[in-house]
Every structure is written in C-alpha cells, then in structure tokens.
C-alpha cells in the first residue's frame, strides 16, 4: 500500500525538480526506482533559508493535483495520516504515563479538527521534515520519501515552522515569514497545526531526556 501511495504521489509531482524523480515502479512488489539526487545531503542539522523552503512548498502545491481525491486513488485523506502518527505516539508513551496519554489525545483531537476543516485539498507530502529533504543541484531543496495524503497543504510546513523554536514569538515569526513567501499558506493555520503536532516532537524529546524550554514549549506547558 505504501509503495502504491508513494508511486502515485511521485508521478503527480513528476514535473517539478523539487521532488525526487520516479523512474519506475512495481507497487505490488513494493519496489520503486528513483533518480539520484546530488549532492544529496539531508537538511537535518543544518541551517536553511526560508526562501529555499518556500520554493519547495510552492512547487509541491503547484504541481500536485488541485482537485479532491479522484476515484481509484491509492492516497488516503490527511486524517488517516494524523491518526497513524498519534496512534504510534500513544503506543510509545505506554500505559505508565497517563499525563502523556491525556496530552496526546487532546492534541490528536485538535489535529483531526484541522484536517477536517482544510480550506483547500491538495496532495500533501505528509512527512516533510528536514531529514526527508536533500540539498540538490543548484542549491535547490529536493523532497524524498513522501507519506502522501489528500488534505491541507499547510501540514507540510509544520516541521519547518517548529524547527529550533522554543517560544510562541519565534513560532509566530517563522509562520508569518513562510506565509509571506508561499501563496495560500495561512500563518494562523500553520500555528494551529504546530500547536497540535508539536506534542509529537515534545513527547519524543521527553522520552529522550530533554526536559528543557523547547520541550516544554512543544508540550504546551
């Protein structure tokens, strides 16, 4: 199923240089042949410019299908992706941390509400964090490994809005800047998405022993 979803999305984005190119696919065998990306260094752990990211986000929005899911699509609604992420986080939290379960269930409800209220529906990458974006030729950013969904395209900007931020003012500044650069992206929705999905990153940081200001901010405390 994942291979079919990814192949469909990569084919839809086939004309943009900001997504890795699909050369061949055998979804039944779970096999995809992808073009190389040079230099191919992940953005994770490195500085990045909002203007570079904005180009990637614009191209994802422009080149993906603009209509609601068509009949026969392997790609599912964004609510499915949201549910999967929170189910995974709840399993990792375990039964011994009721406060984490309460936090995650509250955040999940907010995220599902946002998924249901999308002002537009686009093909969403679904896993566009800095480790899934590579430095490509000519300094452009290239997305890889989508977990695509049909839904609110602002979802794809969340990890970048939260990257390195530790307070509401920093989040507001980042969201505002991206909204200036990406037509259609709404700063208010991006902040709302960040407030909901930040709990996922915050819980992961807490499990790893990072009880700092950034973790407390992500957890909304």
C-alpha atoms as a PDB file:
ATOM      1  CA  UNK A   1       0.000   0.000   0.000  1.00  0.00           C
ATOM      2  CA  UNK A   2       2.769   2.447   0.932  1.00  0.00           C
ATOM      3  CA  UNK A   3       4.587   1.823  -2.356  1.00  0.00           C
ATOM      4  CA  UNK A   4       1.406   2.470  -4.362  1.00  0.00           C
ATOM      5  CA  UNK A   5       0.734   5.706  -2.485  1.00  0.00           C
ATOM      6  CA  UNK A   6       4.309   6.900  -2.907  1.00  0.00           C
ATOM      7  CA  UNK A   7       4.421   5.994  -6.595  1.00  0.00           C
ATOM      8  CA  UNK A   8       1.164   7.868  -7.242  1.00  0.00           C
ATOM      9  CA  UNK A   9       2.414  10.973  -5.461  1.00  0.00           C
ATOM     10  CA  UNK A  10       5.843  10.977  -7.095  1.00  0.00           C
ATOM     11  CA  UNK A  11       4.230  10.574 -10.518  1.00  0.00           C
ATOM     12  CA  UNK A  12       1.947  13.544  -9.789  1.00  0.00           C
ATOM     13  CA  UNK A  13       4.978  15.645  -8.839  1.00  0.00           C
ATOM     14  CA  UNK A  14       6.996  14.333 -11.772  1.00  0.00           C
ATOM     15  CA  UNK A  15       7.428  17.714 -13.446  1.00  0.00           C
ATOM     16  CA  UNK A  16       8.960  19.536 -10.501  1.00  0.00           C
ATOM     17  CA  UNK A  17      12.700  19.467  -9.811  1.00  0.00           C
ATOM     18  CA  UNK A  18      11.908  19.855  -6.104  1.00  0.00           C
ATOM     19  CA  UNK A  19      10.830  16.214  -5.672  1.00  0.00           C
ATOM     20  CA  UNK A  20      12.945  13.127  -6.343  1.00  0.00           C
ATOM     21  CA  UNK A  21      12.100  11.687  -9.761  1.00  0.00           C
ATOM     22  CA  UNK A  22      10.373   8.323 -10.072  1.00  0.00           C
ATOM     23  CA  UNK A  23      11.981   6.249 -12.830  1.00  0.00           C
ATOM     24  CA  UNK A  24      10.000   3.023 -12.490  1.00  0.00           C
ATOM     25  CA  UNK A  25       7.635   1.367 -10.042  1.00  0.00           C
ATOM     26  CA  UNK A  26       6.313  -2.073  -9.148  1.00  0.00           C
ATOM     27  CA  UNK A  27       3.940  -1.307  -6.267  1.00  0.00           C
ATOM     28  CA  UNK A  28       2.885  -4.942  -5.979  1.00  0.00           C
ATOM     29  CA  UNK A  29       6.453  -5.857  -5.119  1.00  0.00           C
ATOM     30  CA  UNK A  30       6.934  -2.723  -3.010  1.00  0.00           C
ATOM     31  CA  UNK A  31       9.702  -1.566  -5.366  1.00  0.00           C
ATOM     32  CA  UNK A  32      10.397   1.959  -6.597  1.00  0.00           C
ATOM     33  CA  UNK A  33      13.337   3.032  -8.753  1.00  0.00           C
ATOM     34  CA  UNK A  34      14.295   6.637  -8.010  1.00  0.00           C
ATOM     35  CA  UNK A  35      16.696   9.017  -9.685  1.00  0.00           C
ATOM     36  CA  UNK A  36      19.774  10.139  -7.776  1.00  0.00           C
ATOM     37  CA  UNK A  37      19.994  13.494  -6.010  1.00  0.00           C
ATOM     38  CA  UNK A  38      23.380  15.253  -5.848  1.00  0.00           C
ATOM     39  CA  UNK A  39      24.928  16.240  -3.554  1.00  0.00           C
ATOM     40  CA  UNK A  40      22.060  14.628  -1.640  1.00  0.00           C
ATOM     41  CA  UNK A  41      22.972  15.841   1.862  1.00  0.00           C
ATOM     42  CA  UNK A  42      19.927  15.983   4.196  1.00  0.00           C
ATOM     43  CA  UNK A  43      18.946  19.397   5.539  1.00  0.00           C
ATOM     44  CA  UNK A  44      18.564  17.916   9.036  1.00  0.00           C
ATOM     45  CA  UNK A  45      21.003  19.518  11.462  1.00  0.00           C
ATOM     46  CA  UNK A  46      21.957  22.294   9.040  1.00  0.00           C
ATOM     47  CA  UNK A  47      20.891  25.892   8.632  1.00  0.00           C
ATOM     48  CA  UNK A  48      18.280  26.534   5.960  1.00  0.00           C
ATOM     49  CA  UNK A  49      16.811  29.627   4.384  1.00  0.00           C
ATOM     50  CA  UNK A  50      13.045  30.306   4.377  1.00  0.00           C
ATOM     51  CA  UNK A  51      13.300  31.308   0.725  1.00  0.00           C
ATOM     52  CA  UNK A  52      14.677  27.877  -0.219  1.00  0.00           C
ATOM     53  CA  UNK A  53      11.951  26.089   1.688  1.00  0.00           C
ATOM     54  CA  UNK A  54       9.299  28.365   0.219  1.00  0.00           C
ATOM     55  CA  UNK A  55      10.299  27.318  -3.290  1.00  0.00           C
ATOM     56  CA  UNK A  56       9.844  23.662  -2.337  1.00  0.00           C
ATOM     57  CA  UNK A  57       6.467  24.288  -0.669  1.00  0.00           C
ATOM     58  CA  UNK A  58       5.222  26.322  -3.631  1.00  0.00           C
ATOM     59  CA  UNK A  59       6.199  23.612  -6.098  1.00  0.00           C
ATOM     60  CA  UNK A  60       4.518  20.897  -4.051  1.00  0.00           C
ATOM     61  CA  UNK A  61       1.302  22.932  -4.096  1.00  0.00           C
ATOM     62  CA  UNK A  62       1.511  23.889  -7.755  1.00  0.00           C
ATOM     63  CA  UNK A  63       2.428  20.533  -9.238  1.00  0.00           C
ATOM     64  CA  UNK A  64       0.207  18.254  -7.189  1.00  0.00           C
ATOM     65  CA  UNK A  65      -3.371  17.669  -8.362  1.00  0.00           C
ATOM     66  CA  UNK A  66      -5.591  20.544  -7.267  1.00  0.00           C
ATOM     67  CA  UNK A  67      -8.874  18.664  -7.120  1.00  0.00           C
ATOM     68  CA  UNK A  68     -10.295  16.460  -4.399  1.00  0.00           C
ATOM     69  CA  UNK A  69      -9.189  12.806  -4.415  1.00  0.00           C
ATOM     70  CA  UNK A  70     -10.133  11.170  -7.667  1.00  0.00           C
ATOM     71  CA  UNK A  71     -11.776   7.780  -7.897  1.00  0.00           C
ATOM     72  CA  UNK A  72      -9.267   4.961  -7.631  1.00  0.00           C
ATOM     73  CA  UNK A  73      -6.574   6.956  -5.834  1.00  0.00           C
ATOM     74  CA  UNK A  74      -4.366   4.911  -3.521  1.00  0.00           C
ATOM     75  CA  UNK A  75      -3.698   8.019  -1.428  1.00  0.00           C
ATOM     76  CA  UNK A  76      -5.878   8.436   1.668  1.00  0.00           C
ATOM     77  CA  UNK A  77      -7.162  11.563   3.452  1.00  0.00           C
ATOM     78  CA  UNK A  78      -4.874  13.503   5.785  1.00  0.00           C
ATOM     79  CA  UNK A  79      -6.953  12.411   8.794  1.00  0.00           C
ATOM     80  CA  UNK A  80      -5.627   8.896   8.250  1.00  0.00           C
ATOM     81  CA  UNK A  81      -2.040  10.132   8.386  1.00  0.00           C
ATOM     82  CA  UNK A  82      -2.772  12.180  11.517  1.00  0.00           C
ATOM     83  CA  UNK A  83      -4.384   9.190  13.212  1.00  0.00           C
ATOM     84  CA  UNK A  84      -1.416   6.972  12.382  1.00  0.00           C
ATOM     85  CA  UNK A  85       1.076   9.444  13.876  1.00  0.00           C
ATOM     86  CA  UNK A  86      -0.832   9.762  17.136  1.00  0.00           C
ATOM     87  CA  UNK A  87      -1.525   6.041  17.424  1.00  0.00           C
ATOM     88  CA  UNK A  88       2.215   5.458  17.155  1.00  0.00           C
ATOM     89  CA  UNK A  89       2.964   8.133  19.765  1.00  0.00           C
ATOM     90  CA  UNK A  90       0.375   6.704  22.166  1.00  0.00           C
ATOM     91  CA  UNK A  91       1.872   3.220  21.866  1.00  0.00           C
ATOM     92  CA  UNK A  92       5.314   4.608  22.574  1.00  0.00           C
ATOM     93  CA  UNK A  93       4.061   6.564  25.582  1.00  0.00           C
ATOM     94  CA  UNK A  94       2.901   3.323  27.184  1.00  0.00           C
ATOM     95  CA  UNK A  95       0.394   2.733  29.994  1.00  0.00           C
ATOM     96  CA  UNK A  96       2.640   4.115  32.741  1.00  0.00           C
ATOM     97  CA  UNK A  97       2.399   7.753  31.658  1.00  0.00           C
ATOM     98  CA  UNK A  98      -1.257   8.827  31.866  1.00  0.00           C
ATOM     99  CA  UNK A  99      -0.294  12.502  31.598  1.00  0.00           C
ATOM    100  CA  UNK A 100       1.291  11.818  28.199  1.00  0.00           C
ATOM    101  CA  UNK A 101      -1.827   9.994  27.015  1.00  0.00           C
ATOM    102  CA  UNK A 102      -4.038  12.915  28.041  1.00  0.00           C
ATOM    103  CA  UNK A 103      -1.749  15.382  26.232  1.00  0.00           C
ATOM    104  CA  UNK A 104      -1.565  13.299  23.083  1.00  0.00           C
ATOM    105  CA  UNK A 105      -5.291  12.631  22.908  1.00  0.00           C
ATOM    106  CA  UNK A 106      -6.034  16.328  23.302  1.00  0.00           C
ATOM    107  CA  UNK A 107      -3.516  17.209  20.591  1.00  0.00           C
ATOM    108  CA  UNK A 108      -4.873  14.484  18.324  1.00  0.00           C
ATOM    109  CA  UNK A 109      -8.386  15.928  18.578  1.00  0.00           C
ATOM    110  CA  UNK A 110      -7.060  19.346  17.552  1.00  0.00           C
ATOM    111  CA  UNK A 111      -5.124  17.884  14.628  1.00  0.00           C
ATOM    112  CA  UNK A 112      -8.129  15.916  13.373  1.00  0.00           C
ATOM    113  CA  UNK A 113     -10.255  19.060  13.587  1.00  0.00           C
ATOM    114  CA  UNK A 114      -7.703  20.907  11.467  1.00  0.00           C
ATOM    115  CA  UNK A 115      -7.594  18.048   8.961  1.00  0.00           C
ATOM    116  CA  UNK A 116     -11.380  18.157   8.656  1.00  0.00           C
ATOM    117  CA  UNK A 117     -11.531  21.940   8.187  1.00  0.00           C
ATOM    118  CA  UNK A 118      -8.982  22.356   5.397  1.00  0.00           C
ATOM    119  CA  UNK A 119      -9.893  25.355   3.212  1.00  0.00           C
ATOM    120  CA  UNK A 120      -8.403  23.572   0.184  1.00  0.00           C
ATOM    121  CA  UNK A 121      -7.423  19.989  -0.581  1.00  0.00           C
ATOM    122  CA  UNK A 122      -4.088  19.240  -2.205  1.00  0.00           C
ATOM    123  CA  UNK A 123      -1.694  16.335  -2.459  1.00  0.00           C
ATOM    124  CA  UNK A 124       0.349  16.573   0.753  1.00  0.00           C
ATOM    125  CA  UNK A 125       3.841  15.100   1.181  1.00  0.00           C
ATOM    126  CA  UNK A 126       2.953  14.073   4.719  1.00  0.00           C
ATOM    127  CA  UNK A 127       6.477  13.556   6.092  1.00  0.00           C
ATOM    128  CA  UNK A 128       8.327  16.694   5.027  1.00  0.00           C
ATOM    129  CA  UNK A 129      10.784  17.024   7.903  1.00  0.00           C
ATOM    130  CA  UNK A 130      14.395  18.166   7.331  1.00  0.00           C
ATOM    131  CA  UNK A 131      15.738  14.597   7.171  1.00  0.00           C
ATOM    132  CA  UNK A 132      13.476  13.940   4.177  1.00  0.00           C
ATOM    133  CA  UNK A 133      14.691  16.970   2.244  1.00  0.00           C
ATOM    134  CA  UNK A 134      18.040  16.890   0.467  1.00  0.00           C
ATOM    135  CA  UNK A 135      20.312  19.546  -0.958  1.00  0.00           C
ATOM    136  CA  UNK A 136      20.034  19.107  -4.709  1.00  0.00           C
ATOM    137  CA  UNK A 137      21.685  20.545  -7.807  1.00  0.00           C
ATOM    138  CA  UNK A 138      21.906  24.314  -7.988  1.00  0.00           C
ATOM    139  CA  UNK A 139      21.225  24.713  -4.281  1.00  0.00           C
ATOM    140  CA  UNK A 140      17.557  23.740  -4.541  1.00  0.00           C
ATOM    141  CA  UNK A 141      15.882  21.557  -1.932  1.00  0.00           C
ATOM    142  CA  UNK A 142      14.557  18.164  -3.058  1.00  0.00           C
ATOM    143  CA  UNK A 143      11.910  16.199  -1.157  1.00  0.00           C
ATOM    144  CA  UNK A 144      12.134  12.414  -0.800  1.00  0.00           C
ATOM    145  CA  UNK A 145      10.167   9.634   0.956  1.00  0.00           C
ATOM    146  CA  UNK A 146       6.627  11.036   0.930  1.00  0.00           C
ATOM    147  CA  UNK A 147       3.855   9.542   3.038  1.00  0.00           C
ATOM    148  CA  UNK A 148       1.260  11.263   0.897  1.00  0.00           C
ATOM    149  CA  UNK A 149      -2.251  12.245   1.814  1.00  0.00           C
ATOM    150  CA  UNK A 150      -5.096  14.366   0.481  1.00  0.00           C
ATOM    151  CA  UNK A 151      -5.637  17.408   2.658  1.00  0.00           C
ATOM    152  CA  UNK A 152      -4.427  20.746   3.943  1.00  0.00           C
ATOM    153  CA  UNK A 153      -1.107  21.652   2.263  1.00  0.00           C
ATOM    154  CA  UNK A 154      -0.143  23.782   5.288  1.00  0.00           C
ATOM    155  CA  UNK A 155       0.550  20.469   7.047  1.00  0.00           C
ATOM    156  CA  UNK A 156       3.814  20.145   5.094  1.00  0.00           C
ATOM    157  CA  UNK A 157       5.234  23.319   6.656  1.00  0.00           C
ATOM    158  CA  UNK A 158       4.766  22.288  10.302  1.00  0.00           C
ATOM    159  CA  UNK A 159       8.153  20.672  10.967  1.00  0.00           C
ATOM    160  CA  UNK A 160       9.843  23.733   9.490  1.00  0.00           C
ATOM    161  CA  UNK A 161       7.755  26.171  11.487  1.00  0.00           C
ATOM    162  CA  UNK A 162       8.803  24.326  14.654  1.00  0.00           C
ATOM    163  CA  UNK A 163      12.426  23.690  13.698  1.00  0.00           C
ATOM    164  CA  UNK A 164      14.564  25.064  16.537  1.00  0.00           C
ATOM    165  CA  UNK A 165      11.862  27.300  18.027  1.00  0.00           C
ATOM    166  CA  UNK A 166      11.340  27.463  21.799  1.00  0.00           C
ATOM    167  CA  UNK A 167       8.596  30.045  22.295  1.00  0.00           C
ATOM    168  CA  UNK A 168       5.366  31.353  20.799  1.00  0.00           C
ATOM    169  CA  UNK A 169       7.016  34.527  19.495  1.00  0.00           C
ATOM    170  CA  UNK A 170       9.571  32.547  17.468  1.00  0.00           C
ATOM    171  CA  UNK A 171       6.816  30.326  16.073  1.00  0.00           C
ATOM    172  CA  UNK A 172       4.714  33.331  15.091  1.00  0.00           C
ATOM    173  CA  UNK A 173       7.674  34.952  13.341  1.00  0.00           C
ATOM    174  CA  UNK A 174       8.535  31.773  11.421  1.00  0.00           C
ATOM    175  CA  UNK A 175       4.929  31.106  10.423  1.00  0.00           C
ATOM    176  CA  UNK A 176       4.469  34.715   9.330  1.00  0.00           C
ATOM    177  CA  UNK A 177       7.592  34.627   7.198  1.00  0.00           C
ATOM    178  CA  UNK A 178       6.570  31.409   5.444  1.00  0.00           C
ATOM    179  CA  UNK A 179       3.079  32.781   4.836  1.00  0.00           C
ATOM    180  CA  UNK A 180       4.639  35.813   3.146  1.00  0.00           C
ATOM    181  CA  UNK A 181       6.653  33.575   0.833  1.00  0.00           C
ATOM    182  CA  UNK A 182       4.153  30.821  -0.019  1.00  0.00           C
ATOM    183  CA  UNK A 183       0.893  31.900  -1.689  1.00  0.00           C
ATOM    184  CA  UNK A 184      -2.088  30.325   0.024  1.00  0.00           C
ATOM    185  CA  UNK A 185      -0.242  29.335   3.186  1.00  0.00           C
ATOM    186  CA  UNK A 186      -2.035  30.742   6.235  1.00  0.00           C
ATOM    187  CA  UNK A 187       0.040  31.727   9.240  1.00  0.00           C
ATOM    188  CA  UNK A 188      -2.834  31.165  11.667  1.00  0.00           C
ATOM    189  CA  UNK A 189      -3.477  27.613  10.479  1.00  0.00           C
ATOM    190  CA  UNK A 190       0.232  26.856  10.474  1.00  0.00           C
ATOM    191  CA  UNK A 191       0.463  27.992  14.107  1.00  0.00           C
ATOM    192  CA  UNK A 192      -2.566  25.843  14.953  1.00  0.00           C
ATOM    193  CA  UNK A 193      -1.032  22.814  13.230  1.00  0.00           C
ATOM    194  CA  UNK A 194       2.219  23.448  15.102  1.00  0.00           C
ATOM    195  CA  UNK A 195       0.349  23.613  18.399  1.00  0.00           C
ATOM    196  CA  UNK A 196      -1.256  20.241  17.733  1.00  0.00           C
ATOM    197  CA  UNK A 197       1.649  18.374  16.154  1.00  0.00           C
ATOM    198  CA  UNK A 198       4.267  19.856  18.472  1.00  0.00           C
ATOM    199  CA  UNK A 199       3.103  17.368  21.092  1.00  0.00           C
ATOM    200  CA  UNK A 200       4.541  14.536  18.977  1.00  0.00           C
ATOM    201  CA  UNK A 201       8.021  16.080  18.929  1.00  0.00           C
ATOM    202  CA  UNK A 202       7.746  17.168  22.536  1.00  0.00           C
ATOM    203  CA  UNK A 203       6.911  13.663  23.754  1.00  0.00           C
ATOM    204  CA  UNK A 204       9.795  12.214  21.748  1.00  0.00           C
ATOM    205  CA  UNK A 205      12.169  14.736  23.309  1.00  0.00           C
ATOM    206  CA  UNK A 206      10.820  13.981  26.773  1.00  0.00           C
ATOM    207  CA  UNK A 207      11.395  10.240  26.300  1.00  0.00           C
ATOM    208  CA  UNK A 208      14.960  11.059  25.232  1.00  0.00           C
ATOM    209  CA  UNK A 209      15.551  13.004  28.442  1.00  0.00           C
ATOM    210  CA  UNK A 210      15.344  16.537  27.036  1.00  0.00           C
ATOM    211  CA  UNK A 211      13.383  18.379  29.742  1.00  0.00           C
ATOM    212  CA  UNK A 212      14.299  21.853  28.518  1.00  0.00           C
ATOM    213  CA  UNK A 213      12.490  25.021  27.459  1.00  0.00           C
ATOM    214  CA  UNK A 214      11.993  23.761  23.895  1.00  0.00           C
ATOM    215  CA  UNK A 215      10.377  20.544  25.117  1.00  0.00           C
ATOM    216  CA  UNK A 216       8.091  22.431  27.499  1.00  0.00           C
ATOM    217  CA  UNK A 217       7.061  24.770  24.691  1.00  0.00           C
ATOM    218  CA  UNK A 218       6.282  21.886  22.328  1.00  0.00           C
ATOM    219  CA  UNK A 219       4.178  20.231  25.012  1.00  0.00           C
ATOM    220  CA  UNK A 220       2.286  23.453  25.608  1.00  0.00           C
ATOM    221  CA  UNK A 221       3.421  23.815  29.194  1.00  0.00           C
END
